Each structure stands twice: as C-alpha cells, then as structure tokens.
Amino acid sequence: MQIIHSPQDPRLSAYQLLKAKEAPSDKFIADHEKTAIRLLNSTLKVESVFCTPKYWEKHKDLIQSKLSDTNQCFVAEKLVFEETIGFSVHQGFMAVGYQKWDSLSEIESPILLVNSIVDSENIGSILRTAAAFGIHTVLFDSKSASPYLRRSVRVSMGSVFQIRLIRIPNLIETLISLKASGNILLSLSLPRDGMDLLSKTKSVYEVGKQNKFVLVVGNEAAGIESDVLNLSDQLVYIPMKNQIDSLNVSHALAVALSHLLG
C-alpha cells in the first residue's frame, strides 16, 4: 500500500473533489464502507482503494486478496482523506471499480425495465428494492441515468453489483422481442383515460403471482412513455387511500414486487 501525504497527489485523481460533476467513464466510485466492501467481494474488477489507516487495518486482508497490485491501495490520515475528496466523512473507505454491463443474450427473468428515470438516488433505491425481491435483470433505456453514478451506487448499498445490468438502445424493439420470447409486459402506472388502456388496467391485487415478466417503472414526473403503455399486456396500479395519488417510485416498486413474485 501507498502512504499519501497530499490531497493533490496525482495518483488520487479518481477521488479528488467528488462533488464535482461526474464525467462519462468506464469506472465508478464506491464511497461508503459497506458499498466498497461489497464491491471488493463482487466479481467486478477493482482499480484502487483509498482509505484511512483505521480501515486499512480493518480490511487489509480483503484488499490484498482483491487487488492484484496492492500499490493501488492508497492510505491517508483523515484530514488528508477529507481534503482530497472535498467533504467530511464518518467512514474513510472508498474504492474505484470498473463498470460491468451484460448483453441481451444474458437476460434472465424476472426483469425490471427503467424508463426515463433520471434521478440518481431513485435509481439506487430501485436497484436495492429490485435485489431485495429477487429481480435478476434490470434494463436501462437511453434516457435513464446510469446505475453507476456515485449517488446511485451509494444508495443501492452495493445492490448494483448483484444484478445483471443491460443498456438497451432501442426500447420498443427490445420490449417486442421480450414479449415474443414469452414474457408478460407489465407497466406500473396509475389508471389513464382512454378505454383501450382502462380495459387492461388492473390493481396489483388482481394481477397475482407471475413467473416470467418484464415490469416497467417510469419517469418521476411524466410516468411511463405512451408507446410502452400501449404495448403493455397489463397496466398495474396500487390502490391508495386518503387522497394520496402517488408513491416514490422505489416504494411503489416494492409494493408491486411483493405481490407479483412468489
């Protein structure tokens, strides 16, 4: 391991001033102890680790077993650590990993599709919920935020490392193909006007358990795109009381999956 004395050390470029806007990259930051540990225990490749002496002593066996070059473990006192990343922390342990994306040929049901969701914290919470209920694959359309953004990884608490993640360049083409292979297409959406949609809208309590399906969750403000709703086999909604008309998307997902999965 390498002792770091300056927050300007060029070897720490991946960790410096983390609150700055993230640039497109094939790497990502795990910036919480539990998340970094889950990264080190995953099959993903890890580029480096940055920690304080306390966490080096606590996790050095795991770090040494994962990093092929332990010179890529950087250790700094807490003040230098915080000056490097640009904010105060309770836990001085971070890691940089390489993103992993699977292909459509590796898709495995049950499947979740994220449609135009741009809030990175919502993405992280969705991944954590999906993993908790046994979703095997999460698809991301071209309009959705990356699950590897720092806030997404953090909020997911490492769940991002446990699920197949697939980018889909053509949303409708992919959904048509998935339906043709035997998946029922379900969209988590409030009832909409128009008899064509109302006729296939059901309460989550009516749908029952499903074995092979794609569940679509949509944009925080606009909901699921109309082309996806029209293609769906069923629109699934959650009945609510006290004039509440919506839930956070990850909370709604948890309710839906608790009824759809056996």
C-alpha atoms as a PDB file:
ATOM      1  CA  MET A   1       0.000   0.000   0.000  1.00  0.00           C
ATOM      2  CA  GLN A   2       0.986   3.603  -0.583  1.00  0.00           C
ATOM      3  CA  ILE A   3       1.007   6.324   2.110  1.00  0.00           C
ATOM      4  CA  ILE A   4      -0.479   9.604   0.842  1.00  0.00           C
ATOM      5  CA  HIS A   5       0.600  12.939   2.335  1.00  0.00           C
ATOM      6  CA  SER A   6      -1.025  15.468  -0.003  1.00  0.00           C
ATOM      7  CA  PRO A   7      -4.628  15.840  -1.234  1.00  0.00           C
ATOM      8  CA  GLN A   8      -3.158  16.998  -4.557  1.00  0.00           C
ATOM      9  CA  ASP A   9      -1.332  13.718  -5.123  1.00  0.00           C
ATOM     10  CA  PRO A  10      -1.920  12.889  -8.832  1.00  0.00           C
ATOM     11  CA  ARG A  11      -2.412   9.201  -8.016  1.00  0.00           C
ATOM     12  CA  LEU A  12      -5.690  10.174  -6.362  1.00  0.00           C
ATOM     13  CA  SER A  13      -7.267  11.863  -9.391  1.00  0.00           C
ATOM     14  CA  ALA A  14     -10.272   9.499  -9.297  1.00  0.00           C
ATOM     15  CA  TYR A  15     -11.060  10.521  -5.715  1.00  0.00           C
ATOM     16  CA  GLN A  16     -10.397  14.255  -5.829  1.00  0.00           C
ATOM     17  CA  LEU A  17     -13.326  16.661  -5.262  1.00  0.00           C
ATOM     18  CA  LEU A  18     -16.021  14.047  -5.709  1.00  0.00           C
ATOM     19  CA  LYS A  19     -18.898  16.524  -5.558  1.00  0.00           C
ATOM     20  CA  ALA A  20     -17.845  17.947  -8.914  1.00  0.00           C
ATOM     21  CA  LYS A  21     -19.958  16.845 -11.899  1.00  0.00           C
ATOM     22  CA  GLU A  22     -19.175  13.271 -12.909  1.00  0.00           C
ATOM     23  CA  ALA A  23     -17.604  12.809 -16.317  1.00  0.00           C
ATOM     24  CA  PRO A  24     -18.520   9.838 -18.545  1.00  0.00           C
ATOM     25  CA  SER A  25     -16.233   6.927 -17.705  1.00  0.00           C
ATOM     26  CA  ASP A  26     -15.999   3.152 -17.671  1.00  0.00           C
ATOM     27  CA  LYS A  27     -15.241   3.369 -13.928  1.00  0.00           C
ATOM     28  CA  PHE A  28     -17.242   4.321 -10.853  1.00  0.00           C
ATOM     29  CA  ILE A  29     -16.763   5.226  -7.175  1.00  0.00           C
ATOM     30  CA  ALA A  30     -17.980   3.194  -4.212  1.00  0.00           C
ATOM     31  CA  ASP A  31     -17.827   5.816  -1.448  1.00  0.00           C
ATOM     32  CA  HIS A  32     -19.218   4.064   1.615  1.00  0.00           C
ATOM     33  CA  GLU A  33     -17.624   1.289   3.645  1.00  0.00           C
ATOM     34  CA  LYS A  34     -20.416  -1.261   3.186  1.00  0.00           C
ATOM     35  CA  THR A  35     -20.687  -0.500  -0.534  1.00  0.00           C
ATOM     36  CA  ALA A  36     -16.920  -0.664  -1.057  1.00  0.00           C
ATOM     37  CA  ILE A  37     -16.745  -3.985   0.800  1.00  0.00           C
ATOM     38  CA  ARG A  38     -19.498  -5.393  -1.408  1.00  0.00           C
ATOM     39  CA  LEU A  39     -17.555  -4.218  -4.440  1.00  0.00           C
ATOM     40  CA  LEU A  40     -14.406  -5.960  -3.178  1.00  0.00           C
ATOM     41  CA  ASN A  41     -16.419  -9.128  -2.610  1.00  0.00           C
ATOM     42  CA  SER A  42     -18.072  -8.987  -6.050  1.00  0.00           C
ATOM     43  CA  THR A  43     -16.894 -10.276  -9.417  1.00  0.00           C
ATOM     44  CA  LEU A  44     -16.307  -6.730 -10.701  1.00  0.00           C
ATOM     45  CA  LYS A  45     -12.783  -5.559 -11.336  1.00  0.00           C
ATOM     46  CA  VAL A  46     -11.426  -3.046  -8.800  1.00  0.00           C
ATOM     47  CA  GLU A  47      -8.858  -0.467  -9.868  1.00  0.00           C
ATOM     48  CA  SER A  48      -7.895   1.018  -6.491  1.00  0.00           C
ATOM     49  CA  VAL A  49      -8.806   1.579  -2.853  1.00  0.00           C
ATOM     50  CA  PHE A  50      -8.459   4.803  -0.842  1.00  0.00           C
ATOM     51  CA  CYS A  51      -8.822   4.697   2.933  1.00  0.00           C
ATOM     52  CA  THR A  52      -7.629   5.921   6.301  1.00  0.00           C
ATOM     53  CA  PRO A  53      -5.250   3.797   8.417  1.00  0.00           C
ATOM     54  CA  LYS A  54      -8.140   2.512  10.549  1.00  0.00           C
ATOM     55  CA  TYR A  55      -9.852   0.952   7.531  1.00  0.00           C
ATOM     56  CA  TRP A  56      -6.618  -0.374   6.061  1.00  0.00           C
ATOM     57  CA  GLU A  57      -6.045  -2.345   9.253  1.00  0.00           C
ATOM     58  CA  LYS A  58      -9.670  -3.464   9.332  1.00  0.00           C
ATOM     59  CA  HIS A  59      -9.877  -4.650   5.706  1.00  0.00           C
ATOM     60  CA  LYS A  60      -6.296  -5.221   4.523  1.00  0.00           C
ATOM     61  CA  ASP A  61      -6.752  -8.971   4.058  1.00  0.00           C
ATOM     62  CA  LEU A  62      -9.722  -8.439   1.746  1.00  0.00           C
ATOM     63  CA  ILE A  63      -7.966  -5.592  -0.100  1.00  0.00           C
ATOM     64  CA  GLN A  64      -4.839  -7.686  -0.652  1.00  0.00           C
ATOM     65  CA  SER A  65      -6.903 -10.638  -1.877  1.00  0.00           C
ATOM     66  CA  LYS A  66      -8.759  -8.479  -4.419  1.00  0.00           C
ATOM     67  CA  LEU A  67      -6.126  -6.079  -5.753  1.00  0.00           C
ATOM     68  CA  SER A  68      -3.510  -7.701  -7.961  1.00  0.00           C
ATOM     69  CA  ASP A  69      -1.283  -4.692  -7.257  1.00  0.00           C
ATOM     70  CA  THR A  70      -1.549  -3.560  -3.631  1.00  0.00           C
ATOM     71  CA  ASN A  71       0.331  -0.394  -4.612  1.00  0.00           C
ATOM     72  CA  GLN A  72      -3.124   0.639  -5.838  1.00  0.00           C
ATOM     73  CA  CYS A  73      -4.271   0.890  -2.221  1.00  0.00           C
ATOM     74  CA  PHE A  74      -3.758   4.462  -1.016  1.00  0.00           C
ATOM     75  CA  VAL A  75      -3.802   5.255   2.701  1.00  0.00           C
ATOM     76  CA  ALA A  76      -4.053   8.769   4.155  1.00  0.00           C
ATOM     77  CA  GLU A  77      -4.785  10.323   7.523  1.00  0.00           C
ATOM     78  CA  LYS A  78      -8.370  11.533   7.909  1.00  0.00           C
ATOM     79  CA  LEU A  79      -7.613  15.209   7.276  1.00  0.00           C
ATOM     80  CA  VAL A  80      -5.803  14.469   4.013  1.00  0.00           C
ATOM     81  CA  PHE A  81      -8.526  11.989   3.069  1.00  0.00           C
ATOM     82  CA  GLU A  82     -11.265  14.592   3.525  1.00  0.00           C
ATOM     83  CA  GLU A  83      -9.335  17.364   1.786  1.00  0.00           C
ATOM     84  CA  THR A  84      -8.841  15.030  -1.173  1.00  0.00           C
ATOM     85  CA  ILE A  85     -12.495  14.102  -1.648  1.00  0.00           C
ATOM     86  CA  GLY A  86     -13.779  17.565  -0.749  1.00  0.00           C
ATOM     87  CA  PHE A  87     -16.116  16.845   2.170  1.00  0.00           C
ATOM     88  CA  SER A  88     -16.193  15.414   5.686  1.00  0.00           C
ATOM     89  CA  VAL A  89     -16.926  11.721   6.217  1.00  0.00           C
ATOM     90  CA  HIS A  90     -17.671   9.351   9.068  1.00  0.00           C
ATOM     91  CA  GLN A  91     -16.150   6.416   7.195  1.00  0.00           C
ATOM     92  CA  GLY A  92     -12.801   6.750   5.445  1.00  0.00           C
ATOM     93  CA  PHE A  93     -13.053   3.928   2.942  1.00  0.00           C
ATOM     94  CA  MET A  94     -13.619   4.130  -0.825  1.00  0.00           C
ATOM     95  CA  ALA A  95     -12.855   2.154  -3.955  1.00  0.00           C
ATOM     96  CA  VAL A  96     -12.853   2.612  -7.715  1.00  0.00           C
ATOM     97  CA  GLY A  97     -14.340  -0.188  -9.776  1.00  0.00           C
ATOM     98  CA  TYR A  98     -14.901  -0.888 -13.457  1.00  0.00           C
ATOM     99  CA  GLN A  99     -18.464  -0.819 -14.734  1.00  0.00           C
ATOM    100  CA  LYS A 100     -19.933  -4.104 -15.867  1.00  0.00           C
ATOM    101  CA  TRP A 101     -22.744  -4.270 -18.437  1.00  0.00           C
ATOM    102  CA  ASP A 102     -24.305  -7.509 -19.620  1.00  0.00           C
ATOM    103  CA  SER A 103     -25.760  -8.235 -23.057  1.00  0.00           C
ATOM    104  CA  LEU A 104     -29.353  -9.010 -24.001  1.00  0.00           C
ATOM    105  CA  SER A 105     -28.307 -12.592 -24.698  1.00  0.00           C
ATOM    106  CA  GLU A 106     -27.673 -12.951 -20.933  1.00  0.00           C
ATOM    107  CA  ILE A 107     -31.077 -11.658 -19.870  1.00  0.00           C
ATOM    108  CA  GLU A 108     -32.815 -13.559 -17.092  1.00  0.00           C
ATOM    109  CA  SER A 109     -36.382 -13.198 -15.824  1.00  0.00           C
ATOM    110  CA  PRO A 110     -37.866 -11.652 -13.723  1.00  0.00           C
ATOM    111  CA  ILE A 111     -36.905  -8.407 -15.428  1.00  0.00           C
ATOM    112  CA  LEU A 112     -37.261  -4.761 -14.430  1.00  0.00           C
ATOM    113  CA  LEU A 113     -37.143  -2.002 -17.045  1.00  0.00           C
ATOM    114  CA  VAL A 114     -36.288   1.575 -16.051  1.00  0.00           C
ATOM    115  CA  ASN A 115     -37.982   4.041 -18.417  1.00  0.00           C
ATOM    116  CA  SER A 116     -36.653   7.626 -18.484  1.00  0.00           C
ATOM    117  CA  ILE A 117     -35.781   7.803 -14.766  1.00  0.00           C
ATOM    118  CA  VAL A 118     -33.144  10.493 -14.336  1.00  0.00           C
ATOM    119  CA  ASP A 119     -32.772  10.890 -10.574  1.00  0.00           C
ATOM    120  CA  SER A 120     -29.656   9.002  -9.490  1.00  0.00           C
ATOM    121  CA  GLU A 121     -30.864   8.449  -5.922  1.00  0.00           C
ATOM    122  CA  ASN A 122     -34.110   6.952  -7.235  1.00  0.00           C
ATOM    123  CA  ILE A 123     -32.039   4.641  -9.440  1.00  0.00           C
ATOM    124  CA  GLY A 124     -30.036   3.466  -6.440  1.00  0.00           C
ATOM    125  CA  SER A 125     -33.156   2.869  -4.369  1.00  0.00           C
ATOM    126  CA  ILE A 126     -34.794   0.984  -7.259  1.00  0.00           C
ATOM    127  CA  LEU A 127     -31.770  -1.323  -7.524  1.00  0.00           C
ATOM    128  CA  ARG A 128     -31.794  -2.038  -3.809  1.00  0.00           C
ATOM    129  CA  THR A 129     -35.512  -2.852  -3.907  1.00  0.00           C
ATOM    130  CA  ALA A 130     -35.130  -4.981  -7.031  1.00  0.00           C
ATOM    131  CA  ALA A 131     -32.343  -7.023  -5.466  1.00  0.00           C
ATOM    132  CA  ALA A 132     -34.305  -7.463  -2.240  1.00  0.00           C
ATOM    133  CA  PHE A 133     -37.253  -9.032  -4.070  1.00  0.00           C
ATOM    134  CA  GLY A 134     -35.238 -11.232  -6.435  1.00  0.00           C
ATOM    135  CA  ILE A 135     -35.205  -9.331  -9.726  1.00  0.00           C
ATOM    136  CA  HIS A 136     -32.463 -10.887 -11.867  1.00  0.00           C
ATOM    137  CA  THR A 137     -32.074  -8.305 -14.654  1.00  0.00           C
ATOM    138  CA  VAL A 138     -32.549  -4.534 -14.839  1.00  0.00           C
ATOM    139  CA  LEU A 139     -32.773  -2.870 -18.251  1.00  0.00           C
ATOM    140  CA  PHE A 140     -31.934   0.815 -18.744  1.00  0.00           C
ATOM    141  CA  ASP A 141     -33.215   2.769 -21.709  1.00  0.00           C
ATOM    142  CA  SER A 142     -31.157   5.538 -23.276  1.00  0.00           C
ATOM    143  CA  LYS A 143     -32.975   8.285 -21.338  1.00  0.00           C
ATOM    144  CA  SER A 144     -32.331   6.918 -17.845  1.00  0.00           C
ATOM    145  CA  ALA A 145     -29.471   7.820 -15.529  1.00  0.00           C
ATOM    146  CA  SER A 146     -26.617   5.375 -15.164  1.00  0.00           C
ATOM    147  CA  PRO A 147     -26.761   3.000 -12.182  1.00  0.00           C
ATOM    148  CA  TYR A 148     -23.016   3.620 -11.768  1.00  0.00           C
ATOM    149  CA  LEU A 149     -23.319   7.288 -10.822  1.00  0.00           C
ATOM    150  CA  ARG A 150     -21.817   7.839  -7.373  1.00  0.00           C
ATOM    151  CA  ARG A 151     -25.136   8.581  -5.679  1.00  0.00           C
ATOM    152  CA  SER A 152     -26.808   5.602  -7.341  1.00  0.00           C
ATOM    153  CA  VAL A 153     -24.090   3.215  -6.189  1.00  0.00           C
ATOM    154  CA  ARG A 154     -24.197   4.669  -2.680  1.00  0.00           C
ATOM    155  CA  VAL A 155     -27.990   4.492  -2.282  1.00  0.00           C
ATOM    156  CA  SER A 156     -28.073   0.980  -3.744  1.00  0.00           C
ATOM    157  CA  MET A 157     -25.759  -0.115  -0.888  1.00  0.00           C
ATOM    158  CA  GLY A 158     -23.937  -2.399  -3.303  1.00  0.00           C
ATOM    159  CA  SER A 159     -27.065  -3.992  -4.793  1.00  0.00           C
ATOM    160  CA  VAL A 160     -25.836  -2.709  -8.155  1.00  0.00           C
ATOM    161  CA  PHE A 161     -23.163  -5.453  -8.039  1.00  0.00           C
ATOM    162  CA  GLN A 162     -25.699  -8.269  -7.582  1.00  0.00           C
ATOM    163  CA  ILE A 163     -27.960  -7.810 -10.617  1.00  0.00           C
ATOM    164  CA  ARG A 164     -27.489  -8.109 -14.374  1.00  0.00           C
ATOM    165  CA  LEU A 165     -27.495  -4.574 -15.818  1.00  0.00           C
ATOM    166  CA  ILE A 166     -28.226  -4.103 -19.504  1.00  0.00           C
ATOM    167  CA  ARG A 167     -28.371  -0.993 -21.655  1.00  0.00           C
ATOM    168  CA  ILE A 168     -30.968  -1.105 -24.425  1.00  0.00           C
ATOM    169  CA  PRO A 169     -30.523   1.255 -27.389  1.00  0.00           C
ATOM    170  CA  ASN A 170     -33.998   0.575 -28.836  1.00  0.00           C
ATOM    171  CA  LEU A 171     -36.724   0.441 -26.181  1.00  0.00           C
ATOM    172  CA  ILE A 172     -39.730  -0.686 -28.223  1.00  0.00           C
ATOM    173  CA  GLU A 173     -37.786  -3.189 -30.304  1.00  0.00           C
ATOM    174  CA  THR A 174     -36.449  -4.778 -27.117  1.00  0.00           C
ATOM    175  CA  LEU A 175     -39.891  -4.981 -25.495  1.00  0.00           C
ATOM    176  CA  ILE A 176     -41.404  -6.593 -28.596  1.00  0.00           C
ATOM    177  CA  SER A 177     -38.615  -9.178 -28.561  1.00  0.00           C
ATOM    178  CA  LEU A 178     -39.099  -9.896 -24.853  1.00  0.00           C
ATOM    179  CA  LYS A 179     -42.831 -10.364 -25.335  1.00  0.00           C
ATOM    180  CA  ALA A 180     -42.191 -12.710 -28.253  1.00  0.00           C
ATOM    181  CA  SER A 181     -39.981 -14.840 -26.002  1.00  0.00           C
ATOM    182  CA  GLY A 182     -42.840 -15.375 -23.555  1.00  0.00           C
ATOM    183  CA  ASN A 183     -42.552 -12.512 -21.071  1.00  0.00           C
ATOM    184  CA  ILE A 184     -45.721 -10.734 -19.996  1.00  0.00           C
ATOM    185  CA  LEU A 185     -45.205  -6.964 -20.138  1.00  0.00           C
ATOM    186  CA  LEU A 186     -46.469  -5.124 -17.071  1.00  0.00           C
ATOM    187  CA  SER A 187     -46.321  -1.344 -16.616  1.00  0.00           C
ATOM    188  CA  LEU A 188     -46.582   0.110 -13.115  1.00  0.00           C
ATOM    189  CA  SER A 189     -48.870   3.022 -13.856  1.00  0.00           C
ATOM    190  CA  LEU A 190     -51.885   4.823 -12.465  1.00  0.00           C
ATOM    191  CA  PRO A 191     -55.162   4.386 -14.420  1.00  0.00           C
ATOM    192  CA  ARG A 192     -55.244   6.534 -17.546  1.00  0.00           C
ATOM    193  CA  ASP A 193     -58.122   7.946 -19.547  1.00  0.00           C
ATOM    194  CA  GLY A 194     -58.985   6.079 -22.740  1.00  0.00           C
ATOM    195  CA  MET A 195     -60.894   2.812 -22.966  1.00  0.00           C
ATOM    196  CA  ASP A 196     -58.033   0.978 -24.690  1.00  0.00           C
ATOM    197  CA  LEU A 197     -55.831   1.452 -21.634  1.00  0.00           C
ATOM    198  CA  LEU A 198     -58.514   1.235 -18.976  1.00  0.00           C
ATOM    199  CA  SER A 199     -59.578  -2.137 -20.323  1.00  0.00           C
ATOM    200  CA  LYS A 200     -56.164  -3.616 -19.460  1.00  0.00           C
ATOM    201  CA  THR A 201     -55.620  -1.743 -16.184  1.00  0.00           C
ATOM    202  CA  LYS A 202     -55.674  -3.875 -13.040  1.00  0.00           C
ATOM    203  CA  SER A 203     -54.980  -3.425  -9.374  1.00  0.00           C
ATOM    204  CA  VAL A 204     -51.770  -5.103  -8.230  1.00  0.00           C
ATOM    205  CA  TYR A 205     -54.002  -7.255  -6.014  1.00  0.00           C
ATOM    206  CA  GLU A 206     -55.806  -8.631  -9.098  1.00  0.00           C
ATOM    207  CA  VAL A 207     -52.762  -9.484 -11.190  1.00  0.00           C
ATOM    208  CA  GLY A 208     -51.477 -12.265  -8.964  1.00  0.00           C
ATOM    209  CA  LYS A 209     -48.122 -14.015  -8.933  1.00  0.00           C
ATOM    210  CA  GLN A 210     -46.095 -14.058 -12.161  1.00  0.00           C
ATOM    211  CA  ASN A 211     -43.194 -16.237 -13.242  1.00  0.00           C
ATOM    212  CA  LYS A 212     -41.874 -14.673 -16.444  1.00  0.00           C
ATOM    213  CA  PHE A 213     -42.398 -10.965 -16.810  1.00  0.00           C
ATOM    214  CA  VAL A 214     -40.976  -7.542 -17.552  1.00  0.00           C
ATOM    215  CA  LEU A 215     -42.098  -4.841 -15.125  1.00  0.00           C
ATOM    216  CA  VAL A 216     -41.690  -1.248 -16.327  1.00  0.00           C
ATOM    217  CA  VAL A 217     -41.294   1.696 -13.943  1.00  0.00           C
ATOM    218  CA  GLY A 218     -41.361   5.211 -15.299  1.00  0.00           C
ATOM    219  CA  ASN A 219     -40.207   8.794 -15.037  1.00  0.00           C
ATOM    220  CA  GLU A 220     -40.710  10.607 -11.741  1.00  0.00           C
ATOM    221  CA  ALA A 221     -42.897  13.350 -13.261  1.00  0.00           C
ATOM    222  CA  ALA A 222     -44.236  12.133 -16.598  1.00  0.00           C
ATOM    223  CA  GLY A 223     -44.662   8.422 -15.904  1.00  0.00           C
ATOM    224  CA  ILE A 224     -44.152   5.662 -18.456  1.00  0.00           C
ATOM    225  CA  GLU A 225     -43.985   6.626 -22.129  1.00  0.00           C
ATOM    226  CA  SER A 226     -47.248   6.170 -24.043  1.00  0.00           C
ATOM    227  CA  ASP A 227     -45.714   3.779 -26.604  1.00  0.00           C
ATOM    228  CA  VAL A 228     -44.700   1.471 -23.769  1.00  0.00           C
ATOM    229  CA  LEU A 229     -48.143   1.681 -22.150  1.00  0.00           C
ATOM    230  CA  ASN A 230     -49.820   0.800 -25.437  1.00  0.00           C
ATOM    231  CA  LEU A 231     -47.523  -2.182 -25.912  1.00  0.00           C
ATOM    232  CA  SER A 232     -48.062  -3.454 -22.358  1.00  0.00           C
ATOM    233  CA  ASP A 233     -50.158  -6.530 -21.677  1.00  0.00           C
ATOM    234  CA  GLN A 234     -51.382  -5.001 -18.434  1.00  0.00           C
ATOM    235  CA  LEU A 235     -51.143  -1.707 -16.590  1.00  0.00           C
ATOM    236  CA  VAL A 236     -50.735  -2.352 -12.887  1.00  0.00           C
ATOM    237  CA  TYR A 237     -51.663   0.202 -10.240  1.00  0.00           C
ATOM    238  CA  ILE A 238     -51.566   0.341  -6.438  1.00  0.00           C
ATOM    239  CA  PRO A 239     -54.873   1.354  -4.797  1.00  0.00           C
ATOM    240  CA  MET A 240     -54.268   4.136  -2.268  1.00  0.00           C
ATOM    241  CA  LYS A 241     -56.329   5.856   0.395  1.00  0.00           C
ATOM    242  CA  ASN A 242     -56.586   9.345   1.917  1.00  0.00           C
ATOM    243  CA  GLN A 243     -56.405  11.039  -1.490  1.00  0.00           C
ATOM    244  CA  ILE A 244     -52.780  10.007  -1.998  1.00  0.00           C
ATOM    245  CA  ASP A 245     -52.272   9.583  -5.729  1.00  0.00           C
ATOM    246  CA  SER A 246     -48.613   8.521  -5.959  1.00  0.00           C
ATOM    247  CA  LEU A 247     -45.655   6.986  -4.145  1.00  0.00           C
ATOM    248  CA  ASN A 248     -41.929   7.319  -4.622  1.00  0.00           C
ATOM    249  CA  VAL A 249     -41.035   5.011  -7.494  1.00  0.00           C
ATOM    250  CA  SER A 250     -38.920   2.636  -5.387  1.00  0.00           C
ATOM    251  CA  HIS A 251     -41.655   2.385  -2.737  1.00  0.00           C
ATOM    252  CA  ALA A 252     -44.242   1.631  -5.417  1.00  0.00           C
ATOM    253  CA  LEU A 253     -41.881  -0.963  -6.885  1.00  0.00           C
ATOM    254  CA  ALA A 254     -41.562  -2.697  -3.511  1.00  0.00           C
ATOM    255  CA  VAL A 255     -45.341  -2.944  -3.156  1.00  0.00           C
ATOM    256  CA  ALA A 256     -45.731  -4.280  -6.694  1.00  0.00           C
ATOM    257  CA  LEU A 257     -42.961  -6.872  -6.410  1.00  0.00           C
ATOM    258  CA  SER A 258     -44.312  -8.129  -3.087  1.00  0.00           C
ATOM    259  CA  HIS A 259     -47.487  -9.123  -4.945  1.00  0.00           C
ATOM    260  CA  LEU A 260     -46.000 -10.251  -8.261  1.00  0.00           C
ATOM    261  CA  LEU A 261     -43.213 -12.508  -7.018  1.00  0.00           C
ATOM    262  CA  GLY A 262     -43.897 -15.764  -5.199  1.00  0.00           C
END
